[in-house]
């Protein structure tokens, strides 16, 4: 909710009172891609309390889960090594050309930025090894283009669930731009496969891109979390002026 408090027409100075729903998760919730949407969602719900390595990256959807598994297996050894600039003018590791560091424009030359990502990687591994974790992954339905893609994704998901702890869980929301009939044949096949993989919860999410843009409508995020059955509890709302 946004309530106007002050408006000065001459200077166009304006201030709003924001009242936002806030939640406390039962376990640590870690966004793992394939893009920034899961981290943004958790941030808007005030669930995201610290930064992790996959928060603000952009990974080819079919490669997203495998990318996370690979970095777990090698302790992020190649995460930011052998960096190059790709054809989109974004920085990637030559080991993982499918993943772009779209926000860290100075990653190649700035050691502070490198250390920031190393710290996030360390925090991820500590949580992965020592705490019950709920992993949150967004899969755009537009990124599924063949049965081979579905097979590859489901194998990657199955491999990932074998790496996580018994009490950990992977939550996947398949993202649609305008309606759940997009890419319907492959979407249905994907959900059939996901339903047979242990430690996985899945749900459909429509962001209504034409109306709300890249992030969708934040007021729909609580319903998404509920559909996924991520264990959270509502707490006092976040109130601030901006």
C-alpha atoms as a PDB file:
ATOM      1  CA  UNK A   1       0.000   0.000   0.000  1.00  0.00           C
ATOM      2  CA  UNK A   2       1.279   3.492  -0.898  1.00  0.00           C
ATOM      3  CA  UNK A   3      -0.284   6.606   0.654  1.00  0.00           C
ATOM      4  CA  UNK A   4       0.718  10.117  -0.511  1.00  0.00           C
ATOM      5  CA  UNK A   5       1.905  12.274   2.391  1.00  0.00           C
ATOM      6  CA  UNK A   6       3.484  15.394   0.932  1.00  0.00           C
ATOM      7  CA  UNK A   7       3.366  16.966  -2.516  1.00  0.00           C
ATOM      8  CA  UNK A   8       4.796  20.368  -3.463  1.00  0.00           C
ATOM      9  CA  UNK A   9       3.656  21.149  -7.036  1.00  0.00           C
ATOM     10  CA  UNK A  10       6.219  23.884  -7.648  1.00  0.00           C
ATOM     11  CA  UNK A  11       9.180  21.591  -7.014  1.00  0.00           C
ATOM     12  CA  UNK A  12       7.368  18.300  -7.691  1.00  0.00           C
ATOM     13  CA  UNK A  13       8.617  17.095  -4.325  1.00  0.00           C
ATOM     14  CA  UNK A  14       6.589  14.098  -3.200  1.00  0.00           C
ATOM     15  CA  UNK A  15       6.728  11.645  -0.317  1.00  0.00           C
ATOM     16  CA  UNK A  16       4.722   8.469   0.223  1.00  0.00           C
ATOM     17  CA  UNK A  17       3.969   6.314   3.245  1.00  0.00           C
ATOM     18  CA  UNK A  18       4.559   2.674   2.331  1.00  0.00           C
ATOM     19  CA  UNK A  19       2.924  -0.201   4.202  1.00  0.00           C
ATOM     20  CA  UNK A  20       4.131  -3.576   2.942  1.00  0.00           C
ATOM     21  CA  UNK A  21       3.423  -7.137   3.972  1.00  0.00           C
ATOM     22  CA  UNK A  22       6.343  -8.819   5.686  1.00  0.00           C
ATOM     23  CA  UNK A  23       7.107 -12.475   6.376  1.00  0.00           C
ATOM     24  CA  UNK A  24       9.458 -14.660   8.389  1.00  0.00           C
ATOM     25  CA  UNK A  25      10.541 -17.966   6.798  1.00  0.00           C
ATOM     26  CA  UNK A  26      10.856 -21.188   8.750  1.00  0.00           C
ATOM     27  CA  UNK A  27      14.146 -21.972   6.976  1.00  0.00           C
ATOM     28  CA  UNK A  28      16.717 -19.924   5.120  1.00  0.00           C
ATOM     29  CA  UNK A  29      15.319 -19.183   1.660  1.00  0.00           C
ATOM     30  CA  UNK A  30      18.016 -18.877  -1.004  1.00  0.00           C
ATOM     31  CA  UNK A  31      17.238 -17.662  -4.531  1.00  0.00           C
ATOM     32  CA  UNK A  32      19.178 -19.601  -7.173  1.00  0.00           C
ATOM     33  CA  UNK A  33      18.076 -18.023 -10.472  1.00  0.00           C
ATOM     34  CA  UNK A  34      17.675 -18.469 -13.295  1.00  0.00           C
ATOM     35  CA  UNK A  35      17.448 -14.677 -13.147  1.00  0.00           C
ATOM     36  CA  UNK A  36      16.863 -11.878 -10.649  1.00  0.00           C
ATOM     37  CA  UNK A  37      13.136 -12.439 -10.141  1.00  0.00           C
ATOM     38  CA  UNK A  38      13.341 -14.830  -7.124  1.00  0.00           C
ATOM     39  CA  UNK A  39      15.697 -12.494  -5.240  1.00  0.00           C
ATOM     40  CA  UNK A  40      13.476  -9.522  -6.044  1.00  0.00           C
ATOM     41  CA  UNK A  41      10.396 -11.412  -4.875  1.00  0.00           C
ATOM     42  CA  UNK A  42      12.019 -12.322  -1.547  1.00  0.00           C
ATOM     43  CA  UNK A  43      13.246  -8.759  -1.123  1.00  0.00           C
ATOM     44  CA  UNK A  44       9.774  -7.280  -1.630  1.00  0.00           C
ATOM     45  CA  UNK A  45       8.365  -9.691   0.970  1.00  0.00           C
ATOM     46  CA  UNK A  46      11.199  -8.744   3.369  1.00  0.00           C
ATOM     47  CA  UNK A  47      12.305 -12.371   3.514  1.00  0.00           C
ATOM     48  CA  UNK A  48      15.689 -11.701   1.925  1.00  0.00           C
ATOM     49  CA  UNK A  49      18.052 -10.718   4.750  1.00  0.00           C
ATOM     50  CA  UNK A  50      21.448 -11.366   3.138  1.00  0.00           C
ATOM     51  CA  UNK A  51      22.986 -11.622  -0.303  1.00  0.00           C
ATOM     52  CA  UNK A  52      23.874 -14.881  -2.027  1.00  0.00           C
ATOM     53  CA  UNK A  53      25.836 -15.517  -5.244  1.00  0.00           C
ATOM     54  CA  UNK A  54      22.948 -16.297  -7.615  1.00  0.00           C
ATOM     55  CA  UNK A  55      20.727 -13.358  -6.605  1.00  0.00           C
ATOM     56  CA  UNK A  56      21.309 -11.006  -9.520  1.00  0.00           C
ATOM     57  CA  UNK A  57      22.623 -13.201 -12.324  1.00  0.00           C
ATOM     58  CA  UNK A  58      21.038 -14.075 -15.659  1.00  0.00           C
ATOM     59  CA  UNK A  59      21.399 -17.723 -16.698  1.00  0.00           C
ATOM     60  CA  UNK A  60      20.044 -19.547 -19.726  1.00  0.00           C
ATOM     61  CA  UNK A  61      16.913 -21.182 -18.233  1.00  0.00           C
ATOM     62  CA  UNK A  62      17.700 -24.777 -19.206  1.00  0.00           C
ATOM     63  CA  UNK A  63      21.179 -24.450 -17.666  1.00  0.00           C
ATOM     64  CA  UNK A  64      20.091 -22.738 -14.449  1.00  0.00           C
ATOM     65  CA  UNK A  65      19.921 -25.674 -12.039  1.00  0.00           C
ATOM     66  CA  UNK A  66      22.975 -27.430 -13.457  1.00  0.00           C
ATOM     67  CA  UNK A  67      24.941 -24.206 -13.036  1.00  0.00           C
ATOM     68  CA  UNK A  68      24.123 -24.141  -9.325  1.00  0.00           C
ATOM     69  CA  UNK A  69      24.983 -27.826  -8.893  1.00  0.00           C
ATOM     70  CA  UNK A  70      28.317 -27.406 -10.669  1.00  0.00           C
ATOM     71  CA  UNK A  71      29.313 -24.536  -8.385  1.00  0.00           C
ATOM     72  CA  UNK A  72      28.353 -26.537  -5.306  1.00  0.00           C
ATOM     73  CA  UNK A  73      30.429 -29.478  -6.475  1.00  0.00           C
ATOM     74  CA  UNK A  74      33.553 -27.409  -7.088  1.00  0.00           C
ATOM     75  CA  UNK A  75      33.083 -24.991  -4.151  1.00  0.00           C
ATOM     76  CA  UNK A  76      32.662 -22.054  -6.567  1.00  0.00           C
ATOM     77  CA  UNK A  77      36.211 -22.548  -7.805  1.00  0.00           C
ATOM     78  CA  UNK A  78      35.325 -21.408 -11.348  1.00  0.00           C
ATOM     79  CA  UNK A  79      32.499 -19.035 -10.424  1.00  0.00           C
ATOM     80  CA  UNK A  80      34.404 -15.845 -11.242  1.00  0.00           C
ATOM     81  CA  UNK A  81      37.541 -17.238 -12.849  1.00  0.00           C
ATOM     82  CA  UNK A  82      38.680 -16.592 -16.445  1.00  0.00           C
ATOM     83  CA  UNK A  83      36.243 -13.732 -16.913  1.00  0.00           C
ATOM     84  CA  UNK A  84      35.459 -12.413 -20.389  1.00  0.00           C
ATOM     85  CA  UNK A  85      32.950 -10.057 -22.022  1.00  0.00           C
ATOM     86  CA  UNK A  86      30.371 -11.774 -24.215  1.00  0.00           C
ATOM     87  CA  UNK A  87      28.484 -10.631 -27.318  1.00  0.00           C
ATOM     88  CA  UNK A  88      25.866  -8.926 -25.135  1.00  0.00           C
ATOM     89  CA  UNK A  89      28.589  -6.814 -23.538  1.00  0.00           C
ATOM     90  CA  UNK A  90      28.071  -8.618 -20.236  1.00  0.00           C
ATOM     91  CA  UNK A  91      30.712 -10.345 -18.129  1.00  0.00           C
ATOM     92  CA  UNK A  92      30.743 -14.148 -17.963  1.00  0.00           C
ATOM     93  CA  UNK A  93      33.121 -16.812 -16.745  1.00  0.00           C
ATOM     94  CA  UNK A  94      34.538 -18.709 -19.710  1.00  0.00           C
ATOM     95  CA  UNK A  95      33.671 -21.865 -17.746  1.00  0.00           C
ATOM     96  CA  UNK A  96      29.988 -20.857 -17.681  1.00  0.00           C
ATOM     97  CA  UNK A  97      29.196 -18.776 -20.772  1.00  0.00           C
ATOM     98  CA  UNK A  98      25.478 -19.347 -20.148  1.00  0.00           C
ATOM     99  CA  UNK A  99      25.525 -17.093 -17.052  1.00  0.00           C
ATOM    100  CA  UNK A 100      25.884 -13.320 -17.214  1.00  0.00           C
ATOM    101  CA  UNK A 101      26.926 -11.004 -14.388  1.00  0.00           C
ATOM    102  CA  UNK A 102      24.549  -8.308 -15.579  1.00  0.00           C
ATOM    103  CA  UNK A 103      25.014  -5.922 -12.627  1.00  0.00           C
ATOM    104  CA  UNK A 104      28.713  -6.311 -11.812  1.00  0.00           C
ATOM    105  CA  UNK A 105      30.051  -4.270 -14.721  1.00  0.00           C
ATOM    106  CA  UNK A 106      33.463  -3.829 -13.083  1.00  0.00           C
ATOM    107  CA  UNK A 107      33.922  -7.461 -12.052  1.00  0.00           C
ATOM    108  CA  UNK A 108      36.969  -8.043 -14.253  1.00  0.00           C
ATOM    109  CA  UNK A 109      38.967  -5.107 -12.873  1.00  0.00           C
ATOM    110  CA  UNK A 110      37.602  -4.429  -9.384  1.00  0.00           C
ATOM    111  CA  UNK A 111      38.844  -6.681  -6.590  1.00  0.00           C
ATOM    112  CA  UNK A 112      36.217  -5.325  -4.191  1.00  0.00           C
ATOM    113  CA  UNK A 113      33.477  -6.602  -6.481  1.00  0.00           C
ATOM    114  CA  UNK A 114      35.209  -9.962  -6.758  1.00  0.00           C
ATOM    115  CA  UNK A 115      35.527 -10.186  -2.978  1.00  0.00           C
ATOM    116  CA  UNK A 116      31.847  -9.303  -2.595  1.00  0.00           C
ATOM    117  CA  UNK A 117      30.871 -12.286  -4.753  1.00  0.00           C
ATOM    118  CA  UNK A 118      33.358 -14.530  -2.970  1.00  0.00           C
ATOM    119  CA  UNK A 119      31.755 -13.575   0.348  1.00  0.00           C
ATOM    120  CA  UNK A 120      28.311 -14.407  -1.034  1.00  0.00           C
ATOM    121  CA  UNK A 121      29.615 -17.765  -2.227  1.00  0.00           C
ATOM    122  CA  UNK A 122      31.028 -18.520   1.216  1.00  0.00           C
ATOM    123  CA  UNK A 123      27.702 -17.638   2.858  1.00  0.00           C
ATOM    124  CA  UNK A 124      25.907 -19.912   0.404  1.00  0.00           C
ATOM    125  CA  UNK A 125      28.158 -22.880   1.163  1.00  0.00           C
ATOM    126  CA  UNK A 126      27.861 -22.325   4.914  1.00  0.00           C
ATOM    127  CA  UNK A 127      24.069 -22.359   4.699  1.00  0.00           C
ATOM    128  CA  UNK A 128      24.073 -25.283   2.265  1.00  0.00           C
ATOM    129  CA  UNK A 129      26.220 -27.365   4.602  1.00  0.00           C
ATOM    130  CA  UNK A 130      24.847 -26.347   7.995  1.00  0.00           C
ATOM    131  CA  UNK A 131      21.222 -25.162   7.808  1.00  0.00           C
ATOM    132  CA  UNK A 132      17.891 -26.373   6.476  1.00  0.00           C
ATOM    133  CA  UNK A 133      17.494 -24.482   3.202  1.00  0.00           C
ATOM    134  CA  UNK A 134      14.587 -23.774   0.889  1.00  0.00           C
ATOM    135  CA  UNK A 135      15.948 -23.057  -2.591  1.00  0.00           C
ATOM    136  CA  UNK A 136      13.846 -20.843  -4.879  1.00  0.00           C
ATOM    137  CA  UNK A 137      14.169 -21.065  -8.669  1.00  0.00           C
ATOM    138  CA  UNK A 138      12.253 -19.325 -11.456  1.00  0.00           C
ATOM    139  CA  UNK A 139      11.928 -21.033 -14.840  1.00  0.00           C
ATOM    140  CA  UNK A 140      10.496 -18.926 -17.703  1.00  0.00           C
ATOM    141  CA  UNK A 141       8.219 -21.118 -19.799  1.00  0.00           C
ATOM    142  CA  UNK A 142       9.550 -19.329 -22.886  1.00  0.00           C
ATOM    143  CA  UNK A 143      12.943 -20.936 -22.214  1.00  0.00           C
ATOM    144  CA  UNK A 144      11.610 -24.453 -22.856  1.00  0.00           C
ATOM    145  CA  UNK A 145      11.727 -25.202 -26.560  1.00  0.00           C
ATOM    146  CA  UNK A 146      11.871 -28.980 -26.944  1.00  0.00           C
ATOM    147  CA  UNK A 147      11.386 -32.336 -25.264  1.00  0.00           C
ATOM    148  CA  UNK A 148      15.172 -32.479 -25.005  1.00  0.00           C
ATOM    149  CA  UNK A 149      15.065 -29.274 -22.954  1.00  0.00           C
ATOM    150  CA  UNK A 150      12.574 -30.862 -20.570  1.00  0.00           C
ATOM    151  CA  UNK A 151      14.685 -34.002 -20.233  1.00  0.00           C
ATOM    152  CA  UNK A 152      17.800 -31.921 -19.583  1.00  0.00           C
ATOM    153  CA  UNK A 153      16.082 -29.714 -17.008  1.00  0.00           C
ATOM    154  CA  UNK A 154      14.512 -32.614 -15.119  1.00  0.00           C
ATOM    155  CA  UNK A 155      17.823 -34.507 -15.013  1.00  0.00           C
ATOM    156  CA  UNK A 156      19.499 -31.380 -13.680  1.00  0.00           C
ATOM    157  CA  UNK A 157      16.807 -30.967 -11.035  1.00  0.00           C
ATOM    158  CA  UNK A 158      17.068 -34.609 -10.020  1.00  0.00           C
ATOM    159  CA  UNK A 159      20.853 -34.295  -9.711  1.00  0.00           C
ATOM    160  CA  UNK A 160      20.455 -31.148  -7.607  1.00  0.00           C
ATOM    161  CA  UNK A 161      18.000 -32.767  -5.199  1.00  0.00           C
ATOM    162  CA  UNK A 162      20.497 -35.572  -4.627  1.00  0.00           C
ATOM    163  CA  UNK A 163      23.105 -32.996  -3.578  1.00  0.00           C
ATOM    164  CA  UNK A 164      20.973 -31.171  -1.016  1.00  0.00           C
ATOM    165  CA  UNK A 165      20.263 -32.330   2.524  1.00  0.00           C
ATOM    166  CA  UNK A 166      17.304 -34.485   3.492  1.00  0.00           C
ATOM    167  CA  UNK A 167      15.402 -31.562   5.029  1.00  0.00           C
ATOM    168  CA  UNK A 168      16.192 -29.146   2.199  1.00  0.00           C
ATOM    169  CA  UNK A 169      13.694 -28.469  -0.558  1.00  0.00           C
ATOM    170  CA  UNK A 170      13.674 -26.996  -4.060  1.00  0.00           C
ATOM    171  CA  UNK A 171      10.797 -24.668  -4.972  1.00  0.00           C
ATOM    172  CA  UNK A 172      10.333 -24.006  -8.684  1.00  0.00           C
ATOM    173  CA  UNK A 173       7.881 -21.573 -10.175  1.00  0.00           C
ATOM    174  CA  UNK A 174       7.322 -21.708 -13.911  1.00  0.00           C
ATOM    175  CA  UNK A 175       6.861 -18.143 -15.092  1.00  0.00           C
ATOM    176  CA  UNK A 176       4.412 -17.047 -17.766  1.00  0.00           C
ATOM    177  CA  UNK A 177       4.176 -13.554 -19.247  1.00  0.00           C
ATOM    178  CA  UNK A 178       0.409 -13.235 -19.758  1.00  0.00           C
ATOM    179  CA  UNK A 179      -1.397 -16.568 -19.175  1.00  0.00           C
ATOM    180  CA  UNK A 180      -0.781 -20.201 -18.275  1.00  0.00           C
ATOM    181  CA  UNK A 181      -1.577 -21.390 -21.807  1.00  0.00           C
ATOM    182  CA  UNK A 182       1.747 -20.127 -23.127  1.00  0.00           C
ATOM    183  CA  UNK A 183       3.919 -22.944 -24.486  1.00  0.00           C
ATOM    184  CA  UNK A 184       1.193 -25.241 -23.175  1.00  0.00           C
ATOM    185  CA  UNK A 185       2.410 -28.596 -24.531  1.00  0.00           C
ATOM    186  CA  UNK A 186       5.913 -28.293 -23.093  1.00  0.00           C
ATOM    187  CA  UNK A 187       4.573 -26.689 -19.919  1.00  0.00           C
ATOM    188  CA  UNK A 188       2.316 -29.662 -19.236  1.00  0.00           C
ATOM    189  CA  UNK A 189       5.119 -32.140 -19.913  1.00  0.00           C
ATOM    190  CA  UNK A 190       7.410 -30.253 -17.561  1.00  0.00           C
ATOM    191  CA  UNK A 191       4.929 -30.340 -14.673  1.00  0.00           C
ATOM    192  CA  UNK A 192       4.318 -34.051 -15.230  1.00  0.00           C
ATOM    193  CA  UNK A 193       8.049 -34.588 -14.810  1.00  0.00           C
ATOM    194  CA  UNK A 194       8.400 -32.267 -11.804  1.00  0.00           C
ATOM    195  CA  UNK A 195       5.645 -34.083  -9.941  1.00  0.00           C
ATOM    196  CA  UNK A 196       7.793 -37.222  -9.915  1.00  0.00           C
ATOM    197  CA  UNK A 197      10.962 -35.685  -8.472  1.00  0.00           C
ATOM    198  CA  UNK A 198      11.411 -35.879  -4.663  1.00  0.00           C
ATOM    199  CA  UNK A 199      12.119 -32.727  -2.622  1.00  0.00           C
ATOM    200  CA  UNK A 200      10.526 -30.488  -5.282  1.00  0.00           C
ATOM    201  CA  UNK A 201       7.505 -28.205  -5.022  1.00  0.00           C
ATOM    202  CA  UNK A 202       6.314 -26.445  -8.163  1.00  0.00           C
ATOM    203  CA  UNK A 203       3.740 -23.819  -9.116  1.00  0.00           C
ATOM    204  CA  UNK A 204       2.660 -21.624 -12.014  1.00  0.00           C
ATOM    205  CA  UNK A 205       3.148 -17.865 -11.861  1.00  0.00           C
ATOM    206  CA  UNK A 206       1.848 -15.267 -14.334  1.00  0.00           C
ATOM    207  CA  UNK A 207       3.568 -11.888 -14.113  1.00  0.00           C
ATOM    208  CA  UNK A 208       1.245 -10.047 -16.598  1.00  0.00           C
ATOM    209  CA  UNK A 209       4.214  -8.442 -18.285  1.00  0.00           C
ATOM    210  CA  UNK A 210       2.256  -5.997 -20.470  1.00  0.00           C
ATOM    211  CA  UNK A 211       0.628  -4.431 -17.411  1.00  0.00           C
ATOM    212  CA  UNK A 212       3.265  -4.778 -14.678  1.00  0.00           C
ATOM    213  CA  UNK A 213       6.548  -5.140 -16.533  1.00  0.00           C
ATOM    214  CA  UNK A 214       9.570  -7.273 -15.741  1.00  0.00           C
ATOM    215  CA  UNK A 215       8.861  -7.913 -12.050  1.00  0.00           C
ATOM    216  CA  UNK A 216       5.135  -8.514 -12.236  1.00  0.00           C
ATOM    217  CA  UNK A 217       2.773  -7.305  -9.517  1.00  0.00           C
ATOM    218  CA  UNK A 218       4.411  -7.463  -6.048  1.00  0.00           C
ATOM    219  CA  UNK A 219       0.991  -7.850  -4.418  1.00  0.00           C
ATOM    220  CA  UNK A 220       0.798 -11.286  -6.084  1.00  0.00           C
ATOM    221  CA  UNK A 221       4.040 -12.513  -4.486  1.00  0.00           C
ATOM    222  CA  UNK A 222       2.395 -13.776  -1.266  1.00  0.00           C
ATOM    223  CA  UNK A 223       0.071 -15.945  -3.358  1.00  0.00           C
ATOM    224  CA  UNK A 224       3.080 -17.323  -5.234  1.00  0.00           C
ATOM    225  CA  UNK A 225       4.805 -18.271  -1.985  1.00  0.00           C
ATOM    226  CA  UNK A 226       1.587 -19.869  -0.756  1.00  0.00           C
ATOM    227  CA  UNK A 227       1.144 -21.816  -4.005  1.00  0.00           C
ATOM    228  CA  UNK A 228       4.679 -23.155  -3.642  1.00  0.00           C
ATOM    229  CA  UNK A 229       3.981 -24.065  -0.003  1.00  0.00           C
ATOM    230  CA  UNK A 230       7.150 -22.433   1.279  1.00  0.00           C
ATOM    231  CA  UNK A 231       6.816 -22.428   5.091  1.00  0.00           C
ATOM    232  CA  UNK A 232       6.598 -18.768   6.169  1.00  0.00           C
ATOM    233  CA  UNK A 233       4.675 -16.742   8.741  1.00  0.00           C
ATOM    234  CA  UNK A 234       3.276 -13.250   8.417  1.00  0.00           C
ATOM    235  CA  UNK A 235       4.887 -10.711  10.736  1.00  0.00           C
ATOM    236  CA  UNK A 236       4.493  -6.982  11.399  1.00  0.00           C
ATOM    237  CA  UNK A 237       4.225  -4.967   8.174  1.00  0.00           C
ATOM    238  CA  UNK A 238       7.162  -2.948   6.956  1.00  0.00           C
ATOM    239  CA  UNK A 239       6.304   0.757   7.262  1.00  0.00           C
ATOM    240  CA  UNK A 240       8.499   3.497   5.828  1.00  0.00           C
ATOM    241  CA  UNK A 241       8.437   6.878   4.085  1.00  0.00           C
ATOM    242  CA  UNK A 242      10.060   7.389   0.723  1.00  0.00           C
END
